Amino acid sequence: VEHLVGALLAGAPQAMRAQKALMAAWEDMPLPQAVAHSVKVFG
């Protein structure tokens, strides 16, 4: 578990939260919508 914790802590805190939120959003989006939504999050 600690090894995985270390890998997760190597990511930037706000980027990690944004990535988790994106993963959740992608579950319910068609691919074109998921790609478009990601552009805004990237910015």
Full PDB file with SEQRES, HELIX, SHEET, SSBOND, CRYST1, ORIGX, SCALE, CONECT and MASTER records, all heavy atoms in Angstrom:
SEQRES   1 A   43  VAL GLU HIS LEU VAL GLY ALA LEU LEU ALA GLY ALA PRO          
SEQRES   2 A   43  GLN ALA MET ARG ALA GLN LYS ALA LEU MET ALA ALA TRP          
SEQRES   3 A   43  GLU ASP MET PRO LEU PRO GLN ALA VAL ALA HIS SER VAL          
SEQRES   4 A   43  LYS VAL PHE GLY                                              
HELIX    1 AA1 GLU A    2  LEU A    9  1                                   8    
HELIX    2 AA2 PRO A   13  TRP A   26  1                                  14    
HELIX    3 AA3 LEU A   31  PHE A   42  1                                  12    
CRYST1    1.000    1.000    1.000  90.00  90.00  90.00 P 1           1          
ORIGX1      1.000000  0.000000  0.000000        0.00000                         
ORIGX2      0.000000  1.000000  0.000000        0.00000                         
ORIGX3      0.000000  0.000000  1.000000        0.00000                         
SCALE1      1.000000  0.000000  0.000000        0.00000                         
SCALE2      0.000000  1.000000  0.000000        0.00000                         
SCALE3      0.000000  0.000000  1.000000        0.00000                         
ATOM      1  N   VAL A   1       0.835  -1.196   0.000  1.00  0.00           N  
ATOM      2  CA  VAL A   1       0.000   0.000   0.000  1.00  0.00           C  
ATOM      3  C   VAL A   1       0.869   1.244   0.000  1.00  0.00           C  
ATOM      4  O   VAL A   1       0.627   2.208  -0.748  1.00  0.00           O  
ATOM      5  CB  VAL A   1      -0.956  -0.011   1.209  1.00  0.00           C  
ATOM      6  CG1 VAL A   1      -1.639   1.341   1.368  1.00  0.00           C  
ATOM      7  CG2 VAL A   1      -1.991  -1.113   1.059  1.00  0.00           C  
ATOM      8  N   GLU A   2       1.922   1.239   0.808  1.00  0.00           N  
ATOM      9  CA  GLU A   2       2.807   2.404   0.891  1.00  0.00           C  
ATOM     10  C   GLU A   2       3.511   2.664  -0.433  1.00  0.00           C  
ATOM     11  O   GLU A   2       3.729   3.827  -0.810  1.00  0.00           O  
ATOM     12  CB  GLU A   2       3.816   2.205   2.016  1.00  0.00           C  
ATOM     13  CG  GLU A   2       4.817   3.339   2.168  1.00  0.00           C  
ATOM     14  CD  GLU A   2       4.185   4.703   2.432  1.00  0.00           C  
ATOM     15  OE1 GLU A   2       3.097   4.760   3.040  1.00  0.00           O  
ATOM     16  OE2 GLU A   2       4.787   5.714   2.029  1.00  0.00           O  
ATOM     17  N   HIS A   3       3.876   1.616  -1.148  1.00  0.00           N  
ATOM     18  CA  HIS A   3       4.499   1.809  -2.461  1.00  0.00           C  
ATOM     19  C   HIS A   3       3.550   2.561  -3.393  1.00  0.00           C  
ATOM     20  O   HIS A   3       3.958   3.482  -4.116  1.00  0.00           O  
ATOM     21  CB  HIS A   3       4.877   0.462  -3.064  1.00  0.00           C  
ATOM     22  CG  HIS A   3       5.518   0.567  -4.411  1.00  0.00           C  
ATOM     23  ND1 HIS A   3       6.856   0.859  -4.589  1.00  0.00           N  
ATOM     24  CD2 HIS A   3       4.989   0.456  -5.671  1.00  0.00           C  
ATOM     25  CE1 HIS A   3       7.135   0.905  -5.884  1.00  0.00           C  
ATOM     26  NE2 HIS A   3       6.015   0.671  -6.565  1.00  0.00           N  
ATOM     27  N   LEU A   4       2.281   2.173  -3.384  1.00  0.00           N  
ATOM     28  CA  LEU A   4       1.294   2.863  -4.212  1.00  0.00           C  
ATOM     29  C   LEU A   4       1.089   4.297  -3.728  1.00  0.00           C  
ATOM     30  O   LEU A   4       0.969   5.226  -4.546  1.00  0.00           O  
ATOM     31  CB  LEU A   4      -0.028   2.091  -4.193  1.00  0.00           C  
ATOM     32  CG  LEU A   4      -1.191   2.691  -4.978  1.00  0.00           C  
ATOM     33  CD1 LEU A   4      -0.821   2.986  -6.425  1.00  0.00           C  
ATOM     34  CD2 LEU A   4      -2.404   1.765  -4.902  1.00  0.00           C  
ATOM     35  N   VAL A   5       1.052   4.501  -2.419  1.00  0.00           N  
ATOM     36  CA  VAL A   5       0.938   5.857  -1.876  1.00  0.00           C  
ATOM     37  C   VAL A   5       2.069   6.735  -2.410  1.00  0.00           C  
ATOM     38  O   VAL A   5       1.850   7.875  -2.841  1.00  0.00           O  
ATOM     39  CB  VAL A   5       0.946   5.838  -0.337  1.00  0.00           C  
ATOM     40  CG1 VAL A   5       1.139   7.245   0.229  1.00  0.00           C  
ATOM     41  CG2 VAL A   5      -0.341   5.231   0.193  1.00  0.00           C  
ATOM     42  N   GLY A   6       3.292   6.207  -2.404  1.00  0.00           N  
ATOM     43  CA  GLY A   6       4.427   6.976  -2.896  1.00  0.00           C  
ATOM     44  C   GLY A   6       4.271   7.379  -4.351  1.00  0.00           C  
ATOM     45  O   GLY A   6       4.587   8.508  -4.749  1.00  0.00           O  
ATOM     46  N   ALA A   7       3.764   6.455  -5.163  1.00  0.00           N  
ATOM     47  CA  ALA A   7       3.544   6.768  -6.574  1.00  0.00           C  
ATOM     48  C   ALA A   7       2.499   7.870  -6.730  1.00  0.00           C  
ATOM     49  O   ALA A   7       2.651   8.775  -7.573  1.00  0.00           O  
ATOM     50  CB  ALA A   7       3.114   5.511  -7.323  1.00  0.00           C  
ATOM     51  N   LEU A   8       1.444   7.825  -5.929  1.00  0.00           N  
ATOM     52  CA  LEU A   8       0.393   8.830  -6.024  1.00  0.00           C  
ATOM     53  C   LEU A   8       0.871  10.189  -5.527  1.00  0.00           C  
ATOM     54  O   LEU A   8       0.498  11.234  -6.085  1.00  0.00           O  
ATOM     55  CB  LEU A   8      -0.831   8.376  -5.232  1.00  0.00           C  
ATOM     56  CG  LEU A   8      -1.524   7.128  -5.779  1.00  0.00           C  
ATOM     57  CD1 LEU A   8      -2.556   6.606  -4.776  1.00  0.00           C  
ATOM     58  CD2 LEU A   8      -2.175   7.401  -7.123  1.00  0.00           C  
ATOM     59  N   LEU A   9       1.708  10.192  -4.491  1.00  0.00           N  
ATOM     60  CA  LEU A   9       2.235  11.464  -3.980  1.00  0.00           C  
ATOM     61  C   LEU A   9       3.214  12.115  -4.943  1.00  0.00           C  
ATOM     62  O   LEU A   9       3.463  13.322  -4.855  1.00  0.00           O  
ATOM     63  CB  LEU A   9       2.907  11.240  -2.621  1.00  0.00           C  
ATOM     64  CG  LEU A   9       1.985  10.881  -1.460  1.00  0.00           C  
ATOM     65  CD1 LEU A   9       2.803  10.608  -0.204  1.00  0.00           C  
ATOM     66  CD2 LEU A   9       0.957  11.983  -1.194  1.00  0.00           C  
ATOM     67  N   ALA A  10       3.754  11.341  -5.872  1.00  0.00           N  
ATOM     68  CA  ALA A  10       4.663  11.919  -6.865  1.00  0.00           C  
ATOM     69  C   ALA A  10       3.925  12.800  -7.865  1.00  0.00           C  
ATOM     70  O   ALA A  10       4.538  13.630  -8.553  1.00  0.00           O  
ATOM     71  CB  ALA A  10       5.414  10.805  -7.602  1.00  0.00           C  
ATOM     72  N   GLY A  11       2.623  12.643  -7.972  1.00  0.00           N  
ATOM     73  CA  GLY A  11       1.828  13.512  -8.831  1.00  0.00           C  
ATOM     74  C   GLY A  11       1.525  14.829  -8.133  1.00  0.00           C  
ATOM     75  O   GLY A  11       1.467  14.903  -6.902  1.00  0.00           O  
ATOM     76  N   ALA A  12       1.326  15.875  -8.905  1.00  0.00           N  
ATOM     77  CA  ALA A  12       0.986  17.180  -8.333  1.00  0.00           C  
ATOM     78  C   ALA A  12      -0.411  17.118  -7.711  1.00  0.00           C  
ATOM     79  O   ALA A  12      -1.325  16.538  -8.299  1.00  0.00           O  
ATOM     80  CB  ALA A  12       1.039  18.250  -9.414  1.00  0.00           C  
ATOM     81  N   PRO A  13      -0.599  17.714  -6.537  1.00  0.00           N  
ATOM     82  CA  PRO A  13      -1.875  17.553  -5.823  1.00  0.00           C  
ATOM     83  C   PRO A  13      -3.101  17.995  -6.620  1.00  0.00           C  
ATOM     84  O   PRO A  13      -4.092  17.267  -6.688  1.00  0.00           O  
ATOM     85  CB  PRO A  13      -1.683  18.415  -4.568  1.00  0.00           C  
ATOM     86  CG  PRO A  13      -0.210  18.469  -4.352  1.00  0.00           C  
ATOM     87  CD  PRO A  13       0.399  18.441  -5.717  1.00  0.00           C  
ATOM     88  N   GLN A  14      -3.059  19.185  -7.210  1.00  0.00           N  
ATOM     89  CA  GLN A  14      -4.227  19.663  -7.946  1.00  0.00           C  
ATOM     90  C   GLN A  14      -4.422  18.894  -9.253  1.00  0.00           C  
ATOM     91  O   GLN A  14      -5.550  18.628  -9.677  1.00  0.00           O  
ATOM     92  CB  GLN A  14      -4.106  21.164  -8.214  1.00  0.00           C  
ATOM     93  CG  GLN A  14      -4.129  22.008  -6.949  1.00  0.00           C  
ATOM     94  CD  GLN A  14      -5.342  21.741  -6.080  1.00  0.00           C  
ATOM     95  OE1 GLN A  14      -6.471  21.704  -6.572  1.00  0.00           O  
ATOM     96  NE2 GLN A  14      -5.121  21.542  -4.788  1.00  0.00           N  
ATOM     97  N   ALA A  15      -3.318  18.515  -9.888  1.00  0.00           N  
ATOM     98  CA  ALA A  15      -3.424  17.717 -11.108  1.00  0.00           C  
ATOM     99  C   ALA A  15      -4.036  16.355 -10.802  1.00  0.00           C  
ATOM    100  O   ALA A  15      -4.827  15.825 -11.598  1.00  0.00           O  
ATOM    101  CB  ALA A  15      -2.051  17.551 -11.751  1.00  0.00           C  
ATOM    102  N   MET A  16      -3.698  15.781  -9.646  1.00  0.00           N  
ATOM    103  CA  MET A  16      -4.246  14.480  -9.279  1.00  0.00           C  
ATOM    104  C   MET A  16      -5.748  14.579  -9.045  1.00  0.00           C  
ATOM    105  O   MET A  16      -6.529  13.707  -9.489  1.00  0.00           O  
ATOM    106  CB  MET A  16      -3.546  13.949  -8.027  1.00  0.00           C  
ATOM    107  CG  MET A  16      -3.887  12.524  -7.695  1.00  0.00           C  
ATOM    108  SD  MET A  16      -3.297  11.328  -8.918  1.00  0.00           S  
ATOM    109  CE  MET A  16      -1.529  11.341  -8.549  1.00  0.00           C  
ATOM    110  N   ARG A  17      -6.189  15.641  -8.378  1.00  0.00           N  
ATOM    111  CA  ARG A  17      -7.626  15.819  -8.171  1.00  0.00           C  
ATOM    112  C   ARG A  17      -8.341  16.016  -9.511  1.00  0.00           C  
ATOM    113  O   ARG A  17      -9.435  15.477  -9.728  1.00  0.00           O  
ATOM    114  CB  ARG A  17      -7.879  16.997  -7.237  1.00  0.00           C  
ATOM    115  CG  ARG A  17      -7.538  16.691  -5.773  1.00  0.00           C  
ATOM    116  CD  ARG A  17      -7.730  17.910  -4.875  1.00  0.00           C  
ATOM    117  NE  ARG A  17      -7.492  17.570  -3.478  1.00  0.00           N  
ATOM    118  CZ  ARG A  17      -8.401  17.679  -2.500  1.00  0.00           C  
ATOM    119  NH1 ARG A  17      -9.620  18.113  -2.772  1.00  0.00           N  
ATOM    120  NH2 ARG A  17      -8.106  17.348  -1.263  1.00  0.00           N  
ATOM    121  N   ALA A  18      -7.732  16.809 -10.393  1.00  0.00           N  
ATOM    122  CA  ALA A  18      -8.336  17.025 -11.707  1.00  0.00           C  
ATOM    123  C   ALA A  18      -8.402  15.721 -12.496  1.00  0.00           C  
ATOM    124  O   ALA A  18      -9.391  15.449 -13.187  1.00  0.00           O  
ATOM    125  CB  ALA A  18      -7.546  18.076 -12.481  1.00  0.00           C  
ATOM    126  N   GLN A  19      -7.354  14.900 -12.387  1.00  0.00           N  
ATOM    127  CA  GLN A  19      -7.348  13.635 -13.111  1.00  0.00           C  
ATOM    128  C   GLN A  19      -8.427  12.695 -12.601  1.00  0.00           C  
ATOM    129  O   GLN A  19      -9.111  12.028 -13.393  1.00  0.00           O  
ATOM    130  CB  GLN A  19      -5.978  12.965 -12.978  1.00  0.00           C  
ATOM    131  CG  GLN A  19      -5.800  11.773 -13.903  1.00  0.00           C  
ATOM    132  CD  GLN A  19      -5.756  12.196 -15.362  1.00  0.00           C  
ATOM    133  OE1 GLN A  19      -4.775  12.771 -15.813  1.00  0.00           O  
ATOM    134  NE2 GLN A  19      -6.821  11.920 -16.099  1.00  0.00           N  
ATOM    135  N   LYS A  20      -8.623  12.642 -11.286  1.00  0.00           N  
ATOM    136  CA  LYS A  20      -9.671  11.777 -10.742  1.00  0.00           C  
ATOM    137  C   LYS A  20     -11.046  12.253 -11.194  1.00  0.00           C  
ATOM    138  O   LYS A  20     -11.901  11.445 -11.583  1.00  0.00           O  
ATOM    139  CB  LYS A  20      -9.593  11.733  -9.216  1.00  0.00           C  
ATOM    140  CG  LYS A  20     -10.728  10.901  -8.624  1.00  0.00           C  
ATOM    141  CD  LYS A  20     -10.543  10.536  -7.179  1.00  0.00           C  
ATOM    142  CE  LYS A  20     -11.724   9.705  -6.686  1.00  0.00           C  
ATOM    143  NZ  LYS A  20     -11.555   9.223  -5.308  1.00  0.00           N  
ATOM    144  N   ALA A  21     -11.266  13.569 -11.171  1.00  0.00           N  
ATOM    145  CA  ALA A  21     -12.553  14.097 -11.617  1.00  0.00           C  
ATOM    146  C   ALA A  21     -12.781  13.803 -13.098  1.00  0.00           C  
ATOM    147  O   ALA A  21     -13.902  13.489 -13.510  1.00  0.00           O  
ATOM    148  CB  ALA A  21     -12.617  15.602 -11.357  1.00  0.00           C  
ATOM    149  N   LEU A  22     -11.722  13.885 -13.900  1.00  0.00           N  
ATOM    150  CA  LEU A  22     -11.853  13.560 -15.319  1.00  0.00           C  
ATOM    151  C   LEU A  22     -12.224  12.101 -15.518  1.00  0.00           C  
ATOM    152  O   LEU A  22     -13.081  11.770 -16.353  1.00  0.00           O  
ATOM    153  CB  LEU A  22     -10.535  13.850 -16.041  1.00  0.00           C  
ATOM    154  CG  LEU A  22     -10.366  15.216 -16.687  1.00  0.00           C  
ATOM    155  CD1 LEU A  22      -8.972  15.319 -17.307  1.00  0.00           C  
ATOM    156  CD2 LEU A  22     -11.434  15.485 -17.731  1.00  0.00           C  
ATOM    157  N   MET A  23     -11.575  11.211 -14.789  1.00  0.00           N  
ATOM    158  CA  MET A  23     -11.883   9.797 -14.919  1.00  0.00           C  
ATOM    159  C   MET A  23     -13.357   9.528 -14.621  1.00  0.00           C  
ATOM    160  O   MET A  23     -14.023   8.754 -15.319  1.00  0.00           O  
ATOM    161  CB  MET A  23     -11.003   8.971 -13.979  1.00  0.00           C  
ATOM    162  CG  MET A  23      -9.514   8.996 -14.303  1.00  0.00           C  
ATOM    163  SD  MET A  23      -9.105   8.109 -15.818  1.00  0.00           S  
ATOM    164  CE  MET A  23      -9.391   6.420 -15.317  1.00  0.00           C  
ATOM    165  N   ALA A  24     -13.877  10.203 -13.598  1.00  0.00           N  
ATOM    166  CA  ALA A  24     -15.286  10.026 -13.247  1.00  0.00           C  
ATOM    167  C   ALA A  24     -16.184  10.579 -14.350  1.00  0.00           C  
ATOM    168  O   ALA A  24     -17.193   9.961 -14.715  1.00  0.00           O  
ATOM    169  CB  ALA A  24     -15.585  10.713 -11.920  1.00  0.00           C  
ATOM    170  N   ALA A  25     -15.826  11.737 -14.896  1.00  0.00           N  
ATOM    171  CA  ALA A  25     -16.638  12.333 -15.953  1.00  0.00           C  
ATOM    172  C   ALA A  25     -16.633  11.471 -17.210  1.00  0.00           C  
ATOM    173  O   ALA A  25     -17.662  11.319 -17.879  1.00  0.00           O  
ATOM    174  CB  ALA A  25     -16.125  13.739 -16.276  1.00  0.00           C  
ATOM    175  N   TRP A  26     -15.496  10.899 -17.547  1.00  0.00           N  
ATOM    176  CA  TRP A  26     -15.376  10.083 -18.754  1.00  0.00           C  
ATOM    177  C   TRP A  26     -16.297   8.863 -18.715  1.00  0.00           C  
ATOM    178  O   TRP A  26     -16.693   8.365 -19.769  1.00  0.00           O  
ATOM    179  CB  TRP A  26     -13.938   9.619 -18.936  1.00  0.00           C  
ATOM    180  CG  TRP A  26     -12.991  10.703 -19.360  1.00  0.00           C  
ATOM    181  CD1 TRP A  26     -13.311  11.922 -19.885  1.00  0.00           C  
ATOM    182  CD2 TRP A  26     -11.565  10.667 -19.281  1.00  0.00           C  
ATOM    183  NE1 TRP A  26     -12.165  12.649 -20.136  1.00  0.00           N  
ATOM    184  CE2 TRP A  26     -11.074  11.894 -19.776  1.00  0.00           C  
ATOM    185  CE3 TRP A  26     -10.642   9.720 -18.828  1.00  0.00           C  
ATOM    186  CZ2 TRP A  26      -9.718  12.200 -19.849  1.00  0.00           C  
ATOM    187  CZ3 TRP A  26      -9.296  10.017 -18.898  1.00  0.00           C  
ATOM    188  CH2 TRP A  26      -8.835  11.229 -19.407  1.00  0.00           C  
ATOM    189  N   GLU A  27     -16.605   8.373 -17.522  1.00  0.00           N  
ATOM    190  CA  GLU A  27     -17.456   7.185 -17.417  1.00  0.00           C  
ATOM    191  C   GLU A  27     -18.805   7.379 -18.100  1.00  0.00           C  
ATOM    192  O   GLU A  27     -19.403   6.429 -18.596  1.00  0.00           O  
ATOM    193  CB  GLU A  27     -17.684   6.822 -15.946  1.00  0.00           C  
ATOM    194  CG  GLU A  27     -16.460   6.272 -15.237  1.00  0.00           C  
ATOM    195  CD  GLU A  27     -16.759   5.905 -13.791  1.00  0.00           C  
ATOM    196  OE1 GLU A  27     -17.938   6.052 -13.369  1.00  0.00           O  
ATOM    197  OE2 GLU A  27     -15.838   5.482 -13.077  1.00  0.00           O  
ATOM    198  N   ASP A  28     -19.293   8.612 -18.098  1.00  0.00           N  
ATOM    199  CA  ASP A  28     -20.647   8.886 -18.593  1.00  0.00           C  
ATOM    200  C   ASP A  28     -20.662   9.694 -19.892  1.00  0.00           C  
ATOM    201  O   ASP A  28     -21.732  10.132 -20.324  1.00  0.00           O  
ATOM    202  CB  ASP A  28     -21.447   9.636 -17.523  1.00  0.00           C  
ATOM    203  CG  ASP A  28     -21.576   8.835 -16.241  1.00  0.00           C  
ATOM    204  OD1 ASP A  28     -21.871   7.633 -16.330  1.00  0.00           O  
ATOM    205  OD2 ASP A  28     -21.371   9.409 -15.159  1.00  0.00           O  
ATOM    206  N   MET A  29     -19.505   9.895 -20.517  1.00  0.00           N  
ATOM    207  CA  MET A  29     -19.437  10.735 -21.710  1.00  0.00           C  
ATOM    208  C   MET A  29     -19.081   9.938 -22.951  1.00  0.00           C  
ATOM    209  O   MET A  29     -18.210   9.062 -22.894  1.00  0.00           O  
ATOM    210  CB  MET A  29     -18.357  11.820 -21.527  1.00  0.00           C  
ATOM    211  CG  MET A  29     -18.680  12.900 -20.536  1.00  0.00           C  
ATOM    212  SD  MET A  29     -17.327  14.111 -20.479  1.00  0.00           S  
ATOM    213  CE  MET A  29     -17.982  15.283 -19.292  1.00  0.00           C  
ATOM    214  N   PRO A  30     -19.709  10.250 -24.087  1.00  0.00           N  
ATOM    215  CA  PRO A  30     -19.197   9.735 -25.359  1.00  0.00           C  
ATOM    216  C   PRO A  30     -17.800  10.288 -25.605  1.00  0.00           C  
ATOM    217  O   PRO A  30     -17.432  11.345 -25.073  1.00  0.00           O  
ATOM    218  CB  PRO A  30     -20.194  10.271 -26.387  1.00  0.00           C  
ATOM    219  CG  PRO A  30     -21.394  10.701 -25.602  1.00  0.00           C  
ATOM    220  CD  PRO A  30     -20.899  11.082 -24.243  1.00  0.00           C  
ATOM    221  N   LEU A  31     -17.016   9.591 -26.426  1.00  0.00           N  
ATOM    222  CA  LEU A  31     -15.625   9.984 -26.635  1.00  0.00           C  
ATOM    223  C   LEU A  31     -15.464  11.425 -27.098  1.00  0.00           C  
ATOM    224  O   LEU A  31     -14.635  12.156 -26.541  1.00  0.00           O  
ATOM    225  CB  LEU A  31     -14.952   9.022 -27.622  1.00  0.00           C  
ATOM    226  CG  LEU A  31     -13.475   9.311 -27.916  1.00  0.00           C  
ATOM    227  CD1 LEU A  31     -12.643   9.285 -26.639  1.00  0.00           C  
ATOM    228  CD2 LEU A  31     -12.935   8.294 -28.927  1.00  0.00           C  
ATOM    229  N   PRO A  32     -16.208  11.912 -28.102  1.00  0.00           N  
ATOM    230  CA  PRO A  32     -15.999  13.313 -28.522  1.00  0.00           C  
ATOM    231  C   PRO A  32     -16.249  14.306 -27.395  1.00  0.00           C  
ATOM    232  O   PRO A  32     -15.514  15.291 -27.241  1.00  0.00           O  
ATOM    233  CB  PRO A  32     -17.011  13.489 -29.660  1.00  0.00           C  
ATOM    234  CG  PRO A  32     -17.241  12.118 -30.184  1.00  0.00           C  
ATOM    235  CD  PRO A  32     -17.168  11.222 -28.984  1.00  0.00           C  
ATOM    236  N   GLN A  33     -17.274  14.052 -26.560  1.00  0.00           N  
ATOM    237  CA  GLN A  33     -17.557  14.937 -25.440  1.00  0.00           C  
ATOM    238  C   GLN A  33     -16.457  14.851 -24.385  1.00  0.00           C  
ATOM    239  O   GLN A  33     -16.062  15.872 -23.801  1.00  0.00           O  
ATOM    240  CB  GLN A  33     -18.902  14.573 -24.824  1.00  0.00           C  
ATOM    241  CG  GLN A  33     -19.358  15.529 -23.716  1.00  0.00           C  
ATOM    242  CD  GLN A  33     -20.686  15.124 -23.122  1.00  0.00           C  
ATOM    243  OE1 GLN A  33     -21.360  14.221 -23.626  1.00  0.00           O  
ATOM    244  NE2 GLN A  33     -21.077  15.774 -22.039  1.00  0.00           N  
ATOM    245  N   ALA A  34     -15.949  13.656 -24.154  1.00  0.00           N  
ATOM    246  CA  ALA A  34     -14.871  13.497 -23.179  1.00  0.00           C  
ATOM    247  C   ALA A  34     -13.622  14.249 -23.611  1.00  0.00           C  
ATOM    248  O   ALA A  34     -12.957  14.900 -22.791  1.00  0.00           O  
ATOM    249  CB  ALA A  34     -14.558  12.012 -22.995  1.00  0.00           C  
ATOM    250  N   VAL A  35     -13.302  14.175 -24.882  1.00  0.00           N  
ATOM    251  CA  VAL A  35     -12.121  14.886 -25.403  1.00  0.00           C  
ATOM    252  C   VAL A  35     -12.314  16.390 -25.260  1.00  0.00           C  
ATOM    253  O   VAL A  35     -11.421  17.114 -24.786  1.00  0.00           O  
ATOM    254  CB  VAL A  35     -11.871  14.496 -26.870  1.00  0.00           C  
ATOM    255  CG1 VAL A  35     -10.799  15.384 -27.478  1.00  0.00           C  
ATOM    256  CG2 VAL A  35     -11.459  13.030 -26.968  1.00  0.00           C  
ATOM    257  N   ALA A  36     -13.490  16.891 -25.638  1.00  0.00           N  
ATOM    258  CA  ALA A  36     -13.749  18.326 -25.562  1.00  0.00           C  
ATOM    259  C   ALA A  36     -13.707  18.816 -24.113  1.00  0.00           C  
ATOM    260  O   ALA A  36     -13.150  19.884 -23.823  1.00  0.00           O  
ATOM    261  CB  ALA A  36     -15.103  18.637 -26.194  1.00  0.00           C  
ATOM    262  N   HIS A  37     -14.292  18.050 -23.216  1.00  0.00           N  
ATOM    263  CA  HIS A  37     -14.280  18.418 -21.802  1.00  0.00           C  
ATOM    264  C   HIS A  37     -12.851  18.469 -21.269  1.00  0.00           C  
ATOM    265  O   HIS A  37     -12.509  19.351 -20.463  1.00  0.00           O  
ATOM    266  CB  HIS A  37     -15.105  17.403 -21.016  1.00  0.00           C  
ATOM    267  CG  HIS A  37     -15.098  17.612 -19.537  1.00  0.00           C  
ATOM    268  ND1 HIS A  37     -15.658  18.718 -18.932  1.00  0.00           N  
ATOM    269  CD2 HIS A  37     -14.592  16.848 -18.522  1.00  0.00           C  
ATOM    270  CE1 HIS A  37     -15.505  18.623 -17.625  1.00  0.00           C  
ATOM    271  NE2 HIS A  37     -14.852  17.501 -17.348  1.00  0.00           N  
ATOM    272  N   SER A  38     -12.008  17.566 -21.728  1.00  0.00           N  
ATOM    273  CA  SER A  38     -10.632  17.503 -21.252  1.00  0.00           C  
ATOM    274  C   SER A  38      -9.835  18.750 -21.618  1.00  0.00           C  
ATOM    275  O   SER A  38      -8.932  19.164 -20.875  1.00  0.00           O  
ATOM    276  CB  SER A  38      -9.929  16.268 -21.823  1.00  0.00           C  
ATOM    277  OG  SER A  38     -10.582  15.088 -21.432  1.00  0.00           O  
ATOM    278  N   VAL A  39     -10.142  19.343 -22.772  1.00  0.00           N  
ATOM    279  CA  VAL A  39      -9.416  20.540 -23.206  1.00  0.00           C  
ATOM    280  C   VAL A  39      -9.557  21.654 -22.179  1.00  0.00           C  
ATOM    281  O   VAL A  39      -8.579  22.317 -21.808  1.00  0.00           O  
ATOM    282  CB  VAL A  39      -9.912  20.993 -24.593  1.00  0.00           C  
ATOM    283  CG1 VAL A  39      -9.339  22.357 -24.957  1.00  0.00           C  
ATOM    284  CG2 VAL A  39      -9.548  19.958 -25.652  1.00  0.00           C  
ATOM    285  N   LYS A  40     -10.768  21.859 -21.705  1.00  0.00           N  
ATOM    286  CA  LYS A  40     -11.019  22.902 -20.708  1.00  0.00           C  
ATOM    287  C   LYS A  40     -10.281  22.600 -19.409  1.00  0.00           C  
ATOM    288  O   LYS A  40      -9.679  23.501 -18.796  1.00  0.00           O  
ATOM    289  CB  LYS A  40     -12.517  23.018 -20.457  1.00  0.00           C  
ATOM    290  CG  LYS A  40     -12.924  24.124 -19.489  1.00  0.00           C  
ATOM    291  CD  LYS A  40     -14.436  24.223 -19.427  1.00  0.00           C  
ATOM    292  CE  LYS A  40     -14.891  25.379 -18.537  1.00  0.00           C  
ATOM    293  NZ  LYS A  40     -14.565  25.141 -17.117  1.00  0.00           N  
ATOM    294  N   VAL A  41     -10.321  21.360 -18.982  1.00  0.00           N  
ATOM    295  CA  VAL A  41      -9.646  20.974 -17.736  1.00  0.00           C  
ATOM    296  C   VAL A  41      -8.138  21.172 -17.869  1.00  0.00           C  
ATOM    297  O   VAL A  41      -7.465  21.611 -16.931  1.00  0.00           O  
ATOM    298  CB  VAL A  41      -9.990  19.522 -17.362  1.00  0.00           C  
ATOM    299  CG1 VAL A  41      -9.211  19.073 -16.132  1.00  0.00           C  
ATOM    300  CG2 VAL A  41     -11.490  19.390 -17.103  1.00  0.00           C  
ATOM    301  N   PHE A  42      -7.593  20.850 -19.050  1.00  0.00           N  
ATOM    302  CA  PHE A  42      -6.160  21.059 -19.292  1.00  0.00           C  
ATOM    303  C   PHE A  42      -5.800  22.529 -19.127  1.00  0.00           C  
ATOM    304  O   PHE A  42      -4.814  22.870 -18.460  1.00  0.00           O  
ATOM    305  CB  PHE A  42      -5.813  20.578 -20.701  1.00  0.00           C  
ATOM    306  CG  PHE A  42      -4.352  20.670 -21.043  1.00  0.00           C  
ATOM    307  CD1 PHE A  42      -3.466  19.677 -20.668  1.00  0.00           C  
ATOM    308  CD2 PHE A  42      -3.857  21.757 -21.758  1.00  0.00           C  
ATOM    309  CE1 PHE A  42      -2.116  19.757 -20.989  1.00  0.00           C  
ATOM    310  CE2 PHE A  42      -2.515  21.849 -22.085  1.00  0.00           C  
ATOM    311  CZ  PHE A  42      -1.645  20.842 -21.694  1.00  0.00           C  
ATOM    312  N   GLY A  43      -6.589  23.407 -19.714  1.00  0.00           N  
ATOM    313  CA  GLY A  43      -6.315  24.836 -19.585  1.00  0.00           C  
ATOM    314  C   GLY A  43      -6.404  25.316 -18.154  1.00  0.00           C  
ATOM    315  O   GLY A  43      -5.565  26.107 -17.695  1.00  0.00           O  
TER     316      GLY A  43                                                      
MASTER        0    0    0    3    0    0    0    6  315    1    0    4          
END                                                                             
